[in-house]
Amino acid sequence: MSAKPVSIKGIDLVCPVCGGKDFYQRQTLLNTAGATFLGFDWANANADNYVCSHCFYMFWFHPENHNFND
């Protein structure tokens, strides 16, 4: 996996810690107490994460209502 520039709704992502402009992409499961209690963790949504390739600061984006690279 290689780091690359990311644009969210037409705005270039810039790390607020170090000013980095290249990010690794990953997803993280957004667990809820109810789904975990019932054993349905797999049914939860995933958050989109972008991790700065320089300082490893992580952005989290909710999975609803966002368009990447517009």
PDB file of N, CA and C in Angstrom:
ATOM      1  N   MET A   1       0.852  -1.175   0.000  1.00  0.00           N
ATOM      2  CA  MET A   1       0.000   0.000   0.000  1.00  0.00           C
ATOM      3  C   MET A   1       0.895   1.234   0.000  1.00  0.00           C
ATOM      4  N   SER A   2       0.610   2.149  -0.895  1.00  0.00           N
ATOM      5  CA  SER A   2       1.426   3.363  -0.964  1.00  0.00           C
ATOM      6  C   SER A   2       0.597   4.579  -0.563  1.00  0.00           C
ATOM      7  N   ALA A   3       1.274   5.558   0.002  1.00  0.00           N
ATOM      8  CA  ALA A   3       0.628   6.801   0.408  1.00  0.00           C
ATOM      9  C   ALA A   3       0.439   7.678  -0.823  1.00  0.00           C
ATOM     10  N   LYS A   4      -0.658   8.439  -0.822  1.00  0.00           N
ATOM     11  CA  LYS A   4      -0.921   9.332  -1.946  1.00  0.00           C
ATOM     12  C   LYS A   4      -1.764  10.510  -1.480  1.00  0.00           C
ATOM     13  N   PRO A   5      -1.806  11.593  -2.257  1.00  0.00           N
ATOM     14  CA  PRO A   5      -2.657  12.734  -1.916  1.00  0.00           C
ATOM     15  C   PRO A   5      -4.133  12.323  -1.930  1.00  0.00           C
ATOM     16  N   VAL A   6      -4.936  12.971  -1.090  1.00  0.00           N
ATOM     17  CA  VAL A   6      -6.363  12.663  -0.981  1.00  0.00           C
ATOM     18  C   VAL A   6      -7.149  13.962  -1.081  1.00  0.00           C
ATOM     19  N   SER A   7      -8.262  13.908  -1.795  1.00  0.00           N
ATOM     20  CA  SER A   7      -9.159  15.044  -1.917  1.00  0.00           C
ATOM     21  C   SER A   7     -10.526  14.623  -1.392  1.00  0.00           C
ATOM     22  N   ILE A   8     -11.093  15.413  -0.479  1.00  0.00           N
ATOM     23  CA  ILE A   8     -12.416  15.147   0.075  1.00  0.00           C
ATOM     24  C   ILE A   8     -13.339  16.281  -0.363  1.00  0.00           C
ATOM     25  N   LYS A   9     -14.349  15.941  -1.155  1.00  0.00           N
ATOM     26  CA  LYS A   9     -15.289  16.929  -1.686  1.00  0.00           C
ATOM     27  C   LYS A   9     -14.559  18.106  -2.335  1.00  0.00           C
ATOM     28  N   GLY A  10     -13.509  17.794  -3.071  1.00  0.00           N
ATOM     29  CA  GLY A  10     -12.763  18.799  -3.813  1.00  0.00           C
ATOM     30  C   GLY A  10     -11.727  19.564  -3.006  1.00  0.00           C
ATOM     31  N   ILE A  11     -11.548  19.222  -1.741  1.00  0.00           N
ATOM     32  CA  ILE A  11     -10.572  19.900  -0.888  1.00  0.00           C
ATOM     33  C   ILE A  11      -9.427  18.941  -0.588  1.00  0.00           C
ATOM     34  N   ASP A  12      -8.193  19.369  -0.875  1.00  0.00           N
ATOM     35  CA  ASP A  12      -7.027  18.529  -0.608  1.00  0.00           C
ATOM     36  C   ASP A  12      -6.827  18.363   0.886  1.00  0.00           C
ATOM     37  N   LEU A  13      -6.649  17.129   1.310  1.00  0.00           N
ATOM     38  CA  LEU A  13      -6.419  16.825   2.716  1.00  0.00           C
ATOM     39  C   LEU A  13      -4.984  17.195   3.083  1.00  0.00           C
ATOM     40  N   VAL A  14      -4.819  17.910   4.198  1.00  0.00           N
ATOM     41  CA  VAL A  14      -3.506  18.301   4.708  1.00  0.00           C
ATOM     42  C   VAL A  14      -3.470  17.960   6.188  1.00  0.00           C
ATOM     43  N   CYS A  15      -2.415  17.301   6.619  1.00  0.00           N
ATOM     44  CA  CYS A  15      -2.284  16.908   8.024  1.00  0.00           C
ATOM     45  C   CYS A  15      -2.167  18.155   8.903  1.00  0.00           C
ATOM     46  N   PRO A  16      -3.009  18.271   9.947  1.00  0.00           N
ATOM     47  CA  PRO A  16      -2.949  19.443  10.827  1.00  0.00           C
ATOM     48  C   PRO A  16      -1.755  19.408  11.781  1.00  0.00           C
ATOM     49  N   VAL A  17      -1.086  18.277  11.896  1.00  0.00           N
ATOM     50  CA  VAL A  17       0.055  18.151  12.804  1.00  0.00           C
ATOM     51  C   VAL A  17       1.358  18.535  12.108  1.00  0.00           C
ATOM     52  N   CYS A  18       1.617  17.935  10.941  1.00  0.00           N
ATOM     53  CA  CYS A  18       2.924  18.140  10.289  1.00  0.00           C
ATOM     54  C   CYS A  18       2.839  18.782   8.909  1.00  0.00           C
ATOM     55  N   GLY A  19       1.618  18.984   8.397  1.00  0.00           N
ATOM     56  CA  GLY A  19       1.455  19.577   7.075  1.00  0.00           C
ATOM     57  C   GLY A  19       1.614  18.578   5.943  1.00  0.00           C
ATOM     58  N   GLY A  20       1.719  17.288   6.262  1.00  0.00           N
ATOM     59  CA  GLY A  20       1.874  16.254   5.244  1.00  0.00           C
ATOM     60  C   GLY A  20       0.697  16.207   4.289  1.00  0.00           C
ATOM     61  N   LYS A  21       0.962  15.766   3.055  1.00  0.00           N
ATOM     62  CA  LYS A  21      -0.087  15.721   2.029  1.00  0.00           C
ATOM     63  C   LYS A  21      -0.260  14.338   1.409  1.00  0.00           C
ATOM     64  N   ASP A  22       0.424  13.331   1.948  1.00  0.00           N
ATOM     65  CA  ASP A  22       0.295  11.966   1.456  1.00  0.00           C
ATOM     66  C   ASP A  22      -0.252  11.094   2.577  1.00  0.00           C
ATOM     67  N   PHE A  23      -1.237  10.258   2.232  1.00  0.00           N
ATOM     68  CA  PHE A  23      -1.951   9.478   3.237  1.00  0.00           C
ATOM     69  C   PHE A  23      -2.131   8.033   2.796  1.00  0.00           C
ATOM     70  N   TYR A  24      -2.108   7.142   3.788  1.00  0.00           N
ATOM     71  CA  TYR A  24      -2.492   5.757   3.585  1.00  0.00           C
ATOM     72  C   TYR A  24      -3.985   5.672   3.846  1.00  0.00           C
ATOM     73  N   GLN A  25      -4.689   4.824   3.104  1.00  0.00           N
ATOM     74  CA  GLN A  25      -6.122   4.656   3.310  1.00  0.00           C
ATOM     75  C   GLN A  25      -6.381   3.326   4.005  1.00  0.00           C
ATOM     76  N   ARG A  26      -7.355   3.332   4.912  1.00  0.00           N
ATOM     77  CA  ARG A  26      -7.794   2.109   5.580  1.00  0.00           C
ATOM     78  C   ARG A  26      -9.234   2.300   6.025  1.00  0.00           C
ATOM     79  N   GLN A  27      -9.854   1.247   6.500  1.00  0.00           N
ATOM     80  CA  GLN A  27     -11.200   1.334   7.049  1.00  0.00           C
ATOM     81  C   GLN A  27     -11.200   0.737   8.445  1.00  0.00           C
ATOM     82  N   THR A  28     -12.065   1.291   9.299  1.00  0.00           N
ATOM     83  CA  THR A  28     -12.198   0.828  10.671  1.00  0.00           C
ATOM     84  C   THR A  28     -13.670   0.570  10.952  1.00  0.00           C
ATOM     85  N   LEU A  29     -13.957  -0.539  11.580  1.00  0.00           N
ATOM     86  CA  LEU A  29     -15.333  -0.899  11.916  1.00  0.00           C
ATOM     87  C   LEU A  29     -15.845   0.015  13.025  1.00  0.00           C
ATOM     88  N   LEU A  30     -17.022   0.585  12.819  1.00  0.00           N
ATOM     89  CA  LEU A  30     -17.666   1.441  13.821  1.00  0.00           C
ATOM     90  C   LEU A  30     -18.601   0.574  14.653  1.00  0.00           C
ATOM     91  N   ASN A  31     -18.108   0.046  15.742  1.00  0.00           N
ATOM     92  CA  ASN A  31     -18.898  -0.833  16.594  1.00  0.00           C
ATOM     93  C   ASN A  31     -19.965  -0.060  17.358  1.00  0.00           C
ATOM     94  N   THR A  32     -21.109  -0.699  17.526  1.00  0.00           N
ATOM     95  CA  THR A  32     -22.156  -0.168  18.391  1.00  0.00           C
ATOM     96  C   THR A  32     -22.393  -1.186  19.503  1.00  0.00           C
ATOM     97  N   ALA A  33     -22.804  -0.704  20.661  1.00  0.00           N
ATOM     98  CA  ALA A  33     -23.002  -1.590  21.810  1.00  0.00           C
ATOM     99  C   ALA A  33     -24.053  -2.660  21.522  1.00  0.00           C
ATOM    100  N   GLY A  34     -25.146  -2.274  20.875  1.00  0.00           N
ATOM    101  CA  GLY A  34     -26.214  -3.224  20.593  1.00  0.00           C
ATOM    102  C   GLY A  34     -25.770  -4.344  19.666  1.00  0.00           C
ATOM    103  N   ALA A  35     -25.101  -3.989  18.583  1.00  0.00           N
ATOM    104  CA  ALA A  35     -24.643  -5.004  17.637  1.00  0.00           C
ATOM    105  C   ALA A  35     -23.598  -5.913  18.272  1.00  0.00           C
ATOM    106  N   THR A  36     -22.715  -5.335  19.073  1.00  0.00           N
ATOM    107  CA  THR A  36     -21.696  -6.137  19.749  1.00  0.00           C
ATOM    108  C   THR A  36     -22.352  -7.104  20.731  1.00  0.00           C
ATOM    109  N   PHE A  37     -23.319  -6.622  21.497  1.00  0.00           N
ATOM    110  CA  PHE A  37     -24.018  -7.453  22.470  1.00  0.00           C
ATOM    111  C   PHE A  37     -24.698  -8.648  21.798  1.00  0.00           C
ATOM    112  N   LEU A  38     -25.270  -8.403  20.615  1.00  0.00           N
ATOM    113  CA  LEU A  38     -25.984  -9.462  19.900  1.00  0.00           C
ATOM    114  C   LEU A  38     -25.077 -10.286  18.985  1.00  0.00           C
ATOM    115  N   GLY A  39     -23.797  -9.950  18.918  1.00  0.00           N
ATOM    116  CA  GLY A  39     -22.861 -10.693  18.072  1.00  0.00           C
ATOM    117  C   GLY A  39     -22.939 -10.329  16.601  1.00  0.00           C
ATOM    118  N   PHE A  40     -23.434  -9.127  16.306  1.00  0.00           N
ATOM    119  CA  PHE A  40     -23.568  -8.684  14.920  1.00  0.00           C
ATOM    120  C   PHE A  40     -22.593  -7.570  14.560  1.00  0.00           C
ATOM    121  N   ASP A  41     -21.371  -7.633  15.059  1.00  0.00           N
ATOM    122  CA  ASP A  41     -20.377  -6.598  14.746  1.00  0.00           C
ATOM    123  C   ASP A  41     -20.184  -6.426  13.247  1.00  0.00           C
ATOM    124  N   TRP A  42     -20.285  -7.531  12.522  1.00  0.00           N
ATOM    125  CA  TRP A  42     -20.084  -7.486  11.071  1.00  0.00           C
ATOM    126  C   TRP A  42     -21.107  -6.589  10.369  1.00  0.00           C
ATOM    127  N   ALA A  43     -22.245  -6.313  11.012  1.00  0.00           N
ATOM    128  CA  ALA A  43     -23.292  -5.511  10.395  1.00  0.00           C
ATOM    129  C   ALA A  43     -23.075  -4.006  10.569  1.00  0.00           C
ATOM    130  N   ASN A  44     -22.112  -3.623  11.375  1.00  0.00           N
ATOM    131  CA  ASN A  44     -21.834  -2.198  11.594  1.00  0.00           C
ATOM    132  C   ASN A  44     -21.164  -1.581  10.364  1.00  0.00           C
ATOM    133  N   ALA A  45     -21.284  -0.277  10.257  1.00  0.00           N
ATOM    134  CA  ALA A  45     -20.660   0.450   9.152  1.00  0.00           C
ATOM    135  C   ALA A  45     -19.158   0.591   9.372  1.00  0.00           C
ATOM    136  N   ASN A  46     -18.441   0.880   8.290  1.00  0.00           N
ATOM    137  CA  ASN A  46     -17.009   1.144   8.355  1.00  0.00           C
ATOM    138  C   ASN A  46     -16.742   2.635   8.192  1.00  0.00           C
ATOM    139  N   ALA A  47     -15.817   3.168   8.975  1.00  0.00           N
ATOM    140  CA  ALA A  47     -15.354   4.544   8.791  1.00  0.00           C
ATOM    141  C   ALA A  47     -14.177   4.507   7.828  1.00  0.00           C
ATOM    142  N   ASP A  48     -14.067   5.528   6.993  1.00  0.00           N
ATOM    143  CA  ASP A  48     -12.913   5.663   6.113  1.00  0.00           C
ATOM    144  C   ASP A  48     -11.838   6.436   6.860  1.00  0.00           C
ATOM    145  N   ASN A  49     -10.632   5.887   6.907  1.00  0.00           N
ATOM    146  CA  ASN A  49      -9.512   6.522   7.595  1.00  0.00           C
ATOM    147  C   ASN A  49      -8.427   6.892   6.603  1.00  0.00           C
ATOM    148  N   TYR A  50      -7.797   8.026   6.839  1.00  0.00           N
ATOM    149  CA  TYR A  50      -6.621   8.441   6.077  1.00  0.00           C
ATOM    150  C   TYR A  50      -5.531   8.754   7.082  1.00  0.00           C
ATOM    151  N   VAL A  51      -4.399   8.064   6.962  1.00  0.00           N
ATOM    152  CA  VAL A  51      -3.307   8.154   7.923  1.00  0.00           C
ATOM    153  C   VAL A  51      -2.127   8.866   7.266  1.00  0.00           C
ATOM    154  N   CYS A  52      -1.659   9.947   7.892  1.00  0.00           N
ATOM    155  CA  CYS A  52      -0.530  10.715   7.369  1.00  0.00           C
ATOM    156  C   CYS A  52       0.698   9.813   7.261  1.00  0.00           C
ATOM    157  N   SER A  53       1.359   9.840   6.129  1.00  0.00           N
ATOM    158  CA  SER A  53       2.527   8.986   5.910  1.00  0.00           C
ATOM    159  C   SER A  53       3.758   9.486   6.660  1.00  0.00           C
ATOM    160  N   HIS A  54       3.707  10.707   7.189  1.00  0.00           N
ATOM    161  CA  HIS A  54       4.868  11.260   7.898  1.00  0.00           C
ATOM    162  C   HIS A  54       4.753  11.104   9.417  1.00  0.00           C
ATOM    163  N   CYS A  55       3.640  11.582  10.001  1.00  0.00           N
ATOM    164  CA  CYS A  55       3.515  11.556  11.470  1.00  0.00           C
ATOM    165  C   CYS A  55       2.467  10.560  11.964  1.00  0.00           C
ATOM    166  N   PHE A  56       1.709   9.960  11.051  1.00  0.00           N
ATOM    167  CA  PHE A  56       0.698   8.941  11.336  1.00  0.00           C
ATOM    168  C   PHE A  56      -0.548   9.474  12.040  1.00  0.00           C
ATOM    169  N   TYR A  57      -0.790  10.783  11.949  1.00  0.00           N
ATOM    170  CA  TYR A  57      -2.072  11.338  12.412  1.00  0.00           C
ATOM    171  C   TYR A  57      -3.175  10.705  11.571  1.00  0.00           C
ATOM    172  N   MET A  58      -4.322  10.380  12.195  1.00  0.00           N
ATOM    173  CA  MET A  58      -5.392   9.691  11.479  1.00  0.00           C
ATOM    174  C   MET A  58      -6.659  10.525  11.408  1.00  0.00           C
ATOM    175  N   PHE A  59      -7.142  10.709  10.186  1.00  0.00           N
ATOM    176  CA  PHE A  59      -8.451  11.313   9.950  1.00  0.00           C
ATOM    177  C   PHE A  59      -9.493  10.203   9.908  1.00  0.00           C
ATOM    178  N   TRP A  60     -10.663  10.462  10.474  1.00  0.00           N
ATOM    179  CA  TRP A  60     -11.792   9.533  10.416  1.00  0.00           C
ATOM    180  C   TRP A  60     -12.934  10.232   9.690  1.00  0.00           C
ATOM    181  N   PHE A  61     -13.556   9.536   8.752  1.00  0.00           N
ATOM    182  CA  PHE A  61     -14.703  10.077   8.032  1.00  0.00           C
ATOM    183  C   PHE A  61     -15.871   9.109   8.149  1.00  0.00           C
ATOM    184  N   HIS A  62     -17.006   9.633   8.548  1.00  0.00           N
ATOM    185  CA  HIS A  62     -18.215   8.831   8.676  1.00  0.00           C
ATOM    186  C   HIS A  62     -18.595   8.309   7.289  1.00  0.00           C
ATOM    187  N   PRO A  63     -19.111   7.089   7.207  1.00  0.00           N
ATOM    188  CA  PRO A  63     -19.384   6.489   5.898  1.00  0.00           C
ATOM    189  C   PRO A  63     -20.561   7.072   5.143  1.00  0.00           C
ATOM    190  N   GLU A  64     -21.398   7.865   5.772  1.00  0.00           N
ATOM    191  CA  GLU A  64     -22.580   8.413   5.102  1.00  0.00           C
ATOM    192  C   GLU A  64     -22.332   9.811   4.552  1.00  0.00           C
ATOM    193  N   ASN A  65     -22.905  10.057   3.402  1.00  0.00           N
ATOM    194  CA  ASN A  65     -22.938  11.392   2.799  1.00  0.00           C
ATOM    195  C   ASN A  65     -21.596  12.029   2.545  1.00  0.00           C
ATOM    196  N   HIS A  66     -20.658  11.299   2.004  1.00  0.00           N
ATOM    197  CA  HIS A  66     -19.406  11.918   1.580  1.00  0.00           C
ATOM    198  C   HIS A  66     -19.008  11.340   0.215  1.00  0.00           C
ATOM    199  N   ASN A  67     -18.457  12.204  -0.592  1.00  0.00           N
ATOM    200  CA  ASN A  67     -17.997  11.811  -1.925  1.00  0.00           C
ATOM    201  C   ASN A  67     -16.514  12.104  -2.005  1.00  0.00           C
ATOM    202  N   PHE A  68     -15.730  11.072  -2.244  1.00  0.00           N
ATOM    203  CA  PHE A  68     -14.300  11.243  -2.300  1.00  0.00           C
ATOM    204  C   PHE A  68     -13.842  11.588  -3.713  1.00  0.00           C
ATOM    205  N   ASN A  69     -12.792  12.384  -3.780  1.00  0.00           N
ATOM    206  CA  ASN A  69     -12.144  12.758  -5.041  1.00  0.00           C
ATOM    207  C   ASN A  69     -13.102  13.404  -6.027  1.00  0.00           C
ATOM    208  N   ASP A  70     -14.002  14.265  -5.517  1.00  0.00           N
ATOM    209  CA  ASP A  70     -14.919  15.024  -6.389  1.00  0.00           C
ATOM    210  C   ASP A  70     -14.181  16.190  -6.993  1.00  0.00           C
TER     211      ASP A  70
END
